[in-house]
Amino acid sequence: MSGDTDGVLIMEAVLETHPVTDFTLWPVAEKHTGGLPPLSGDLSPLQVGTAMAVLACYNTRPRERGAGRPENGVELLQQLTSAESVIAPGGLRLRDTSTGVTVSPGCCCGLEDWRDWLDLLDGSGPWLGHDPSPGLEFSDSLVRLWPDAQRVAPGPPIELPSADLPALLASVRADLTAFLDLVEQWTTPWVPAPLTAGLLAKLDACLAVTAPLGDRDSTAGQAS
């Protein structure tokens, strides 16, 4: 689980799972249910398989017209590793456990841009997606976030103290780093070691996982 602030705010890196319906190249969990499961070191091997199926299916295409689909999981991971960039449908989810309010990423939001939340410290907001379209408001040392700015929703916004944001993002970075460790364990029995190393480097670079949080140049989408 991601860290929380005063036992109230929890920030998680979440990934959409609906793209893996009927996936068969390796075992996956909950392949028909969809949702936004968090990425962390707490995932089971089947859940890691689901996350990797999402990333692989979302970012790979046949190399040429009529090339067909990969015949096995190793071939699919090779394509993912050689992709120009990695897009991860999802983003950061913020939950207030005292009020029950949750702000989830909307459509077209990408987890690869999770470091854009650092922009809140400069008085600007990250892209949080649409349908729903989360809303932002700056007030003194607080950022107020609504689940959907386009609708009148009952309940209060989440109030995020700007001073708490670095610790919350550090917890996300720790969760994503732990997720990469699980990916390495998941690949070990059946993926050649050089491919595993290349895959981890690709995910680390494109999802901006392990670079220091203060490094604004460590943006997502960089090739390894």
Protein backbone atom coordinates (compact mmCIF):
# COMPACT_ATOMS: atom_id res chain seq x y z
CA MET A 1 0.00 0.00 0.00
CA SER A 2 1.15 3.53 -0.66
CA GLY A 3 2.10 5.62 2.29
CA ASP A 4 -0.42 7.95 3.88
CA THR A 5 -0.28 11.34 5.58
CA ASP A 6 -1.57 11.45 9.18
CA GLY A 7 -3.54 8.31 8.40
CA VAL A 8 -5.83 10.31 6.09
CA LEU A 9 -4.49 10.64 2.55
CA ILE A 10 -3.38 7.69 0.43
CA MET A 11 -1.85 8.09 -3.03
CA GLU A 12 -1.56 5.07 -5.33
CA ALA A 13 -0.27 4.36 -8.83
CA VAL A 14 -3.14 2.62 -10.61
CA LEU A 15 -3.41 0.85 -13.96
CA GLU A 16 -6.49 0.19 -16.09
CA THR A 17 -6.91 -3.55 -16.64
CA HIS A 18 -9.71 -3.69 -19.24
CA PRO A 19 -7.31 -4.09 -22.23
CA VAL A 20 -6.45 -7.69 -21.20
CA THR A 21 -9.82 -9.31 -21.81
CA ASP A 22 -9.23 -12.80 -23.25
CA PHE A 23 -5.43 -12.52 -22.94
CA THR A 24 -3.83 -15.99 -23.18
CA LEU A 25 -0.05 -15.65 -23.63
CA TRP A 26 0.59 -15.97 -19.88
CA PRO A 27 -1.62 -16.35 -16.77
CA VAL A 28 -3.45 -13.20 -15.65
CA ALA A 29 -5.86 -12.36 -12.82
CA GLU A 30 -9.34 -10.88 -13.06
CA LYS A 31 -9.06 -10.65 -16.82
CA HIS A 32 -12.77 -9.95 -17.28
CA THR A 33 -13.41 -7.52 -14.44
CA GLY A 34 -11.39 -4.42 -15.36
CA GLY A 35 -10.80 -1.75 -12.73
CA LEU A 36 -7.90 0.32 -11.44
CA PRO A 37 -5.69 -1.91 -9.27
CA PRO A 38 -2.69 -0.23 -7.61
CA LEU A 39 0.83 -1.20 -8.61
CA SER A 40 3.03 -2.05 -5.63
CA GLY A 41 5.10 -4.78 -4.06
CA ASP A 42 1.94 -6.45 -2.74
CA LEU A 43 0.78 -7.92 -6.06
CA SER A 44 0.45 -11.64 -6.60
CA PRO A 45 2.19 -13.27 -9.60
CA LEU A 46 -1.17 -13.37 -11.42
CA GLN A 47 -1.70 -9.67 -10.76
CA VAL A 48 1.79 -8.90 -12.05
CA GLY A 49 0.88 -10.92 -15.13
CA THR A 50 -2.24 -8.78 -15.57
CA ALA A 51 -0.24 -5.55 -15.30
CA MET A 52 2.33 -6.75 -17.79
CA ALA A 53 -0.38 -7.89 -20.19
CA VAL A 54 -1.91 -4.40 -20.05
CA LEU A 55 1.44 -2.74 -20.78
CA ALA A 56 2.34 -5.18 -23.53
CA CYS A 57 -1.02 -5.10 -25.31
CA TYR A 58 -1.34 -1.33 -25.06
CA ASN A 59 2.10 -0.61 -26.48
CA THR A 60 2.76 -3.23 -29.15
CA ARG A 61 1.53 -3.45 -32.71
CA PRO A 62 2.40 -5.80 -35.60
CA ARG A 63 5.73 -4.74 -37.04
CA GLU A 64 4.34 -4.67 -40.56
CA ARG A 65 1.06 -5.19 -42.33
CA GLY A 66 -0.03 -8.79 -42.05
CA ALA A 67 2.70 -9.66 -39.54
CA GLY A 68 0.17 -11.20 -37.14
CA ARG A 69 0.22 -11.46 -33.38
CA PRO A 70 3.13 -12.70 -31.23
CA GLU A 71 3.13 -16.46 -30.90
CA ASN A 72 4.26 -16.53 -27.26
CA GLY A 73 4.90 -14.36 -24.23
CA VAL A 74 8.61 -13.95 -24.82
CA GLU A 75 7.98 -12.56 -28.28
CA LEU A 76 5.40 -10.12 -26.91
CA LEU A 77 7.80 -8.90 -24.22
CA GLN A 78 10.48 -8.47 -26.87
CA GLN A 79 8.13 -6.17 -28.75
CA LEU A 80 7.36 -4.22 -25.58
CA THR A 81 11.06 -3.82 -24.82
CA SER A 82 11.76 -2.49 -28.31
CA ALA A 83 8.77 -0.11 -28.35
CA GLU A 84 9.64 3.54 -28.79
CA SER A 85 7.89 4.43 -25.54
CA VAL A 86 5.61 2.85 -22.97
CA ILE A 87 2.18 4.30 -22.20
CA ALA A 88 0.46 3.04 -19.07
CA PRO A 89 -3.30 3.74 -19.02
CA GLY A 90 -4.14 4.93 -15.53
CA GLY A 91 -2.45 7.45 -13.28
CA LEU A 92 -2.41 8.44 -9.63
CA ARG A 93 -5.40 7.90 -7.36
CA LEU A 94 -5.78 10.00 -4.21
CA ARG A 95 -8.04 8.82 -1.39
CA ASP A 96 -9.14 10.59 1.78
CA THR A 97 -9.93 7.88 4.30
CA SER A 98 -11.61 10.31 6.70
CA THR A 99 -14.27 11.44 4.20
CA GLY A 100 -14.34 8.53 1.76
CA VAL A 101 -13.70 10.84 -1.20
CA THR A 102 -11.55 9.38 -4.00
CA VAL A 103 -10.07 11.25 -6.97
CA SER A 104 -9.23 8.76 -9.72
CA PRO A 105 -7.54 9.40 -13.07
CA GLY A 106 -9.96 9.98 -15.93
CA CYS A 107 -9.88 8.67 -19.48
CA CYS A 108 -6.70 9.33 -21.49
CA CYS A 109 -4.63 9.89 -18.35
CA GLY A 110 -1.34 7.98 -18.26
CA LEU A 111 0.68 6.66 -15.35
CA GLU A 112 3.86 7.52 -17.28
CA ASP A 113 3.12 11.18 -16.40
CA TRP A 114 2.77 10.63 -12.66
CA ARG A 115 5.64 13.00 -11.86
CA ASP A 116 3.59 15.86 -13.30
CA TRP A 117 1.90 16.01 -9.87
CA LEU A 118 5.06 17.82 -8.78
CA ASP A 119 3.70 20.78 -10.77
CA LEU A 120 1.20 21.32 -7.98
CA LEU A 121 4.08 22.76 -5.96
CA ASP A 122 4.44 25.48 -8.61
CA GLY A 123 0.74 26.33 -8.69
CA SER A 124 -0.12 24.44 -11.87
CA GLY A 125 -1.93 21.17 -12.29
CA PRO A 126 -1.20 17.84 -13.97
CA TRP A 127 -3.49 16.41 -16.65
CA LEU A 128 -5.96 14.22 -14.75
CA GLY A 129 -8.02 12.91 -17.66
CA HIS A 130 -11.69 13.32 -18.56
CA ASP A 131 -15.03 11.53 -18.14
CA PRO A 132 -14.65 12.07 -15.23
CA SER A 133 -12.55 15.25 -15.28
CA PRO A 134 -11.07 15.80 -11.81
CA GLY A 135 -11.04 19.44 -10.72
CA LEU A 136 -8.30 21.45 -9.00
CA GLU A 137 -8.32 24.61 -6.90
CA PHE A 138 -5.35 26.27 -5.20
CA SER A 139 -5.83 27.97 -1.85
CA ASP A 140 -2.91 29.18 0.25
CA SER A 141 -0.97 26.05 1.23
CA LEU A 142 -3.71 23.65 0.09
CA VAL A 143 -4.75 22.04 -3.15
CA ARG A 144 -8.42 21.06 -3.33
CA LEU A 145 -9.33 18.20 -5.67
CA TRP A 146 -12.81 17.15 -6.78
CA PRO A 147 -13.54 13.77 -8.39
CA ASP A 148 -15.30 15.43 -11.35
CA ALA A 149 -15.27 19.16 -12.04
CA GLN A 150 -17.94 18.79 -14.75
CA ARG A 151 -20.64 17.58 -12.37
CA VAL A 152 -22.08 18.79 -9.10
CA ALA A 153 -21.00 16.01 -6.78
CA PRO A 154 -22.03 15.67 -3.12
CA GLY A 155 -19.42 15.74 -0.44
CA PRO A 156 -16.29 17.79 0.17
CA PRO A 157 -13.19 17.92 -2.02
CA ILE A 158 -9.95 16.30 -0.95
CA GLU A 159 -7.73 18.89 0.70
CA LEU A 160 -4.10 18.14 -0.02
CA PRO A 161 -1.55 20.19 1.92
CA SER A 162 1.24 21.18 -0.46
CA ALA A 163 3.80 20.27 2.21
CA ASP A 164 2.53 16.66 2.20
CA LEU A 165 2.84 16.13 -1.55
CA PRO A 166 6.56 15.16 -1.67
CA ALA A 167 6.05 12.38 0.87
CA LEU A 168 3.00 11.06 -0.96
CA LEU A 169 4.86 11.02 -4.28
CA ALA A 170 7.83 9.34 -2.59
CA SER A 171 5.46 6.57 -1.49
CA VAL A 172 4.30 6.18 -5.10
CA ARG A 173 7.92 5.98 -6.28
CA ALA A 174 8.59 3.30 -3.64
CA ASP A 175 5.53 1.33 -4.78
CA LEU A 176 6.56 1.49 -8.44
CA THR A 177 10.11 0.45 -7.57
CA ALA A 178 8.72 -2.54 -5.65
CA PHE A 179 6.54 -3.36 -8.65
CA LEU A 180 9.63 -3.48 -10.88
CA ASP A 181 11.20 -5.91 -8.40
CA LEU A 182 8.14 -8.14 -8.75
CA VAL A 183 8.35 -7.94 -12.55
CA GLU A 184 11.93 -9.21 -12.34
CA GLN A 185 10.83 -12.13 -10.14
CA TRP A 186 7.91 -12.84 -12.47
CA THR A 187 10.10 -13.06 -15.57
CA THR A 188 12.91 -15.13 -14.01
CA PRO A 189 11.51 -18.64 -14.63
CA TRP A 190 10.72 -18.21 -18.33
CA VAL A 191 12.27 -15.05 -19.84
CA PRO A 192 15.95 -14.92 -20.94
CA ALA A 193 18.03 -12.80 -18.58
CA PRO A 194 19.11 -10.25 -21.23
CA LEU A 195 15.48 -9.65 -22.18
CA THR A 196 14.50 -9.23 -18.53
CA ALA A 197 17.24 -6.64 -18.05
CA GLY A 198 16.13 -4.74 -21.14
CA LEU A 199 12.48 -4.90 -20.14
CA LEU A 200 13.17 -3.54 -16.65
CA ALA A 201 15.30 -0.73 -18.07
CA LYS A 202 12.54 0.17 -20.54
CA LEU A 203 9.85 0.30 -17.87
CA ASP A 204 12.09 2.21 -15.47
CA ALA A 205 12.95 4.85 -18.08
CA CYS A 206 9.56 5.27 -19.72
CA LEU A 207 7.57 5.25 -16.48
CA ALA A 208 10.18 7.43 -14.72
CA VAL A 209 10.33 5.10 -11.73
CA THR A 210 13.66 5.22 -9.92
CA ALA A 211 15.08 8.64 -10.85
CA PRO A 212 15.17 11.07 -7.89
CA LEU A 213 11.89 12.92 -7.40
CA GLY A 214 13.64 16.27 -7.52
CA ASP A 215 14.90 15.58 -11.06
CA ARG A 216 12.33 17.37 -13.24
CA ASP A 217 14.22 16.22 -16.36
CA SER A 218 13.37 12.57 -15.62
CA THR A 219 10.18 12.67 -17.64
CA ALA A 220 8.22 9.69 -18.88
CA GLY A 221 8.59 8.37 -22.38
CA GLN A 222 12.39 8.30 -22.43
CA ALA A 223 13.83 5.32 -24.27
CA SER A 224 16.27 3.10 -22.47
